[in-house]
Amino acid sequence: MQFLYFLLIGLAAGWLAGLVLKGRGFGLVGNLIVGVLGAVAGGFLFGLLGLQTSSMLGELVTATIGAIALIVVIAFAVKPK
């Protein structure tokens, strides 16, 4: 059940990140996938800062920030020449 919860938060975070970045992402499906990976990245980044979440909203914010950061990094890395 925890894994399903994690996936749902990550999918929602990817969708929100796509809205925040307004077309600078990878399309709906790409942003959803990056959202799940961003949930992991956000947790890692917040852990480095010593921050911890205790609610679903906190986890969604953490995952969304991670997804936005990951989309920006990936977009920068694969920038067309």
C-alpha atoms as a PDB file:
ATOM      1  CA  MET A   1       0.000   0.000   0.000  1.00  0.00           C
ATOM      2  CA  GLN A   2       2.895   2.387   0.725  1.00  0.00           C
ATOM      3  CA  PHE A   3       4.210   1.904  -2.806  1.00  0.00           C
ATOM      4  CA  LEU A   4       0.839   2.811  -4.326  1.00  0.00           C
ATOM      5  CA  TYR A   5       0.665   5.889  -2.097  1.00  0.00           C
ATOM      6  CA  PHE A   6       4.180   6.876  -3.211  1.00  0.00           C
ATOM      7  CA  LEU A   7       3.241   6.459  -6.880  1.00  0.00           C
ATOM      8  CA  LEU A   8       0.096   8.552  -6.525  1.00  0.00           C
ATOM      9  CA  ILE A   9       1.981  11.376  -4.796  1.00  0.00           C
ATOM     10  CA  GLY A  10       4.685  11.223  -7.487  1.00  0.00           C
ATOM     11  CA  LEU A  11       2.139  11.310 -10.311  1.00  0.00           C
ATOM     12  CA  ALA A  12       0.375  14.286  -8.763  1.00  0.00           C
ATOM     13  CA  ALA A  13       3.736  16.020  -8.277  1.00  0.00           C
ATOM     14  CA  GLY A  14       4.647  15.470 -11.935  1.00  0.00           C
ATOM     15  CA  TRP A  15       1.336  16.939 -13.032  1.00  0.00           C
ATOM     16  CA  LEU A  16       1.800  19.967 -10.747  1.00  0.00           C
ATOM     17  CA  ALA A  17       5.372  20.455 -11.939  1.00  0.00           C
ATOM     18  CA  GLY A  18       4.117  20.498 -15.528  1.00  0.00           C
ATOM     19  CA  LEU A  19       1.618  23.210 -14.594  1.00  0.00           C
ATOM     20  CA  VAL A  20       4.255  25.276 -12.788  1.00  0.00           C
ATOM     21  CA  LEU A  21       6.757  25.052 -15.650  1.00  0.00           C
ATOM     22  CA  LYS A  22       4.074  25.792 -18.302  1.00  0.00           C
ATOM     23  CA  GLY A  23       5.233  23.696 -21.227  1.00  0.00           C
ATOM     24  CA  ARG A  24       8.924  23.497 -20.368  1.00  0.00           C
ATOM     25  CA  GLY A  25       8.558  19.876 -19.316  1.00  0.00           C
ATOM     26  CA  PHE A  26       8.241  16.655 -21.282  1.00  0.00           C
ATOM     27  CA  GLY A  27       4.515  16.383 -21.903  1.00  0.00           C
ATOM     28  CA  LEU A  28       1.954  14.811 -19.607  1.00  0.00           C
ATOM     29  CA  VAL A  29       3.329  11.255 -19.552  1.00  0.00           C
ATOM     30  CA  GLY A  30       6.949  12.419 -19.318  1.00  0.00           C
ATOM     31  CA  ASN A  31       6.139  14.784 -16.468  1.00  0.00           C
ATOM     32  CA  LEU A  32       4.281  12.035 -14.607  1.00  0.00           C
ATOM     33  CA  ILE A  33       7.295   9.748 -14.864  1.00  0.00           C
ATOM     34  CA  VAL A  34       9.641  12.559 -13.837  1.00  0.00           C
ATOM     35  CA  GLY A  35       7.246  13.300 -10.958  1.00  0.00           C
ATOM     36  CA  VAL A  36       7.720   9.835  -9.519  1.00  0.00           C
ATOM     37  CA  LEU A  37      11.492  10.178  -9.834  1.00  0.00           C
ATOM     38  CA  GLY A  38      11.224  13.721  -8.483  1.00  0.00           C
ATOM     39  CA  ALA A  39       9.514  12.398  -5.372  1.00  0.00           C
ATOM     40  CA  VAL A  40      12.661  10.432  -4.639  1.00  0.00           C
ATOM     41  CA  ALA A  41      14.883  13.416  -5.509  1.00  0.00           C
ATOM     42  CA  GLY A  42      12.784  15.782  -3.386  1.00  0.00           C
ATOM     43  CA  GLY A  43      12.969  13.455  -0.412  1.00  0.00           C
ATOM     44  CA  PHE A  44      16.719  13.250  -0.824  1.00  0.00           C
ATOM     45  CA  LEU A  45      17.132  17.038  -1.168  1.00  0.00           C
ATOM     46  CA  PHE A  46      14.927  17.776   1.823  1.00  0.00           C
ATOM     47  CA  GLY A  47      16.806  15.140   3.830  1.00  0.00           C
ATOM     48  CA  LEU A  48      20.109  16.871   3.054  1.00  0.00           C
ATOM     49  CA  LEU A  49      18.617  20.095   4.393  1.00  0.00           C
ATOM     50  CA  GLY A  50      17.392  18.339   7.524  1.00  0.00           C
ATOM     51  CA  LEU A  51      13.733  18.851   6.648  1.00  0.00           C
ATOM     52  CA  GLN A  52      11.096  16.197   7.198  1.00  0.00           C
ATOM     53  CA  THR A  53       7.424  15.983   6.247  1.00  0.00           C
ATOM     54  CA  SER A  54       4.664  14.614   8.401  1.00  0.00           C
ATOM     55  CA  SER A  55       1.567  15.069   6.238  1.00  0.00           C
ATOM     56  CA  MET A  56       0.307  14.235   2.786  1.00  0.00           C
ATOM     57  CA  LEU A  57       0.470  17.910   1.796  1.00  0.00           C
ATOM     58  CA  GLY A  58       4.096  18.103   2.923  1.00  0.00           C
ATOM     59  CA  GLU A  59       4.954  15.018   0.906  1.00  0.00           C
ATOM     60  CA  LEU A  60       3.217  16.470  -2.146  1.00  0.00           C
ATOM     61  CA  VAL A  61       5.150  19.742  -1.797  1.00  0.00           C
ATOM     62  CA  THR A  62       8.420  17.848  -1.372  1.00  0.00           C
ATOM     63  CA  ALA A  63       7.725  15.657  -4.402  1.00  0.00           C
ATOM     64  CA  THR A  64       6.650  18.638  -6.510  1.00  0.00           C
ATOM     65  CA  ILE A  65       9.801  20.597  -5.686  1.00  0.00           C
ATOM     66  CA  GLY A  66      11.863  17.521  -6.520  1.00  0.00           C
ATOM     67  CA  ALA A  67       9.998  17.051  -9.816  1.00  0.00           C
ATOM     68  CA  ILE A  68      10.490  20.700 -10.787  1.00  0.00           C
ATOM     69  CA  ALA A  69      14.194  20.487  -9.978  1.00  0.00           C
ATOM     70  CA  LEU A  70      14.549  17.260 -11.941  1.00  0.00           C
ATOM     71  CA  ILE A  71      12.689  18.631 -14.986  1.00  0.00           C
ATOM     72  CA  VAL A  72      14.893  21.732 -15.013  1.00  0.00           C
ATOM     73  CA  VAL A  73      18.088  19.672 -14.700  1.00  0.00           C
ATOM     74  CA  ILE A  74      17.048  17.216 -17.420  1.00  0.00           C
ATOM     75  CA  ALA A  75      15.908  20.024 -19.746  1.00  0.00           C
ATOM     76  CA  PHE A  76      19.239  21.800 -19.216  1.00  0.00           C
ATOM     77  CA  ALA A  77      21.206  18.586 -19.837  1.00  0.00           C
ATOM     78  CA  VAL A  78      19.422  17.693 -23.085  1.00  0.00           C
ATOM     79  CA  LYS A  79      19.156  21.246 -24.417  1.00  0.00           C
ATOM     80  CA  PRO A  80      19.097  21.182 -28.226  1.00  0.00           C
ATOM     81  CA  LYS A  81      22.253  22.481 -29.886  1.00  0.00           C
END
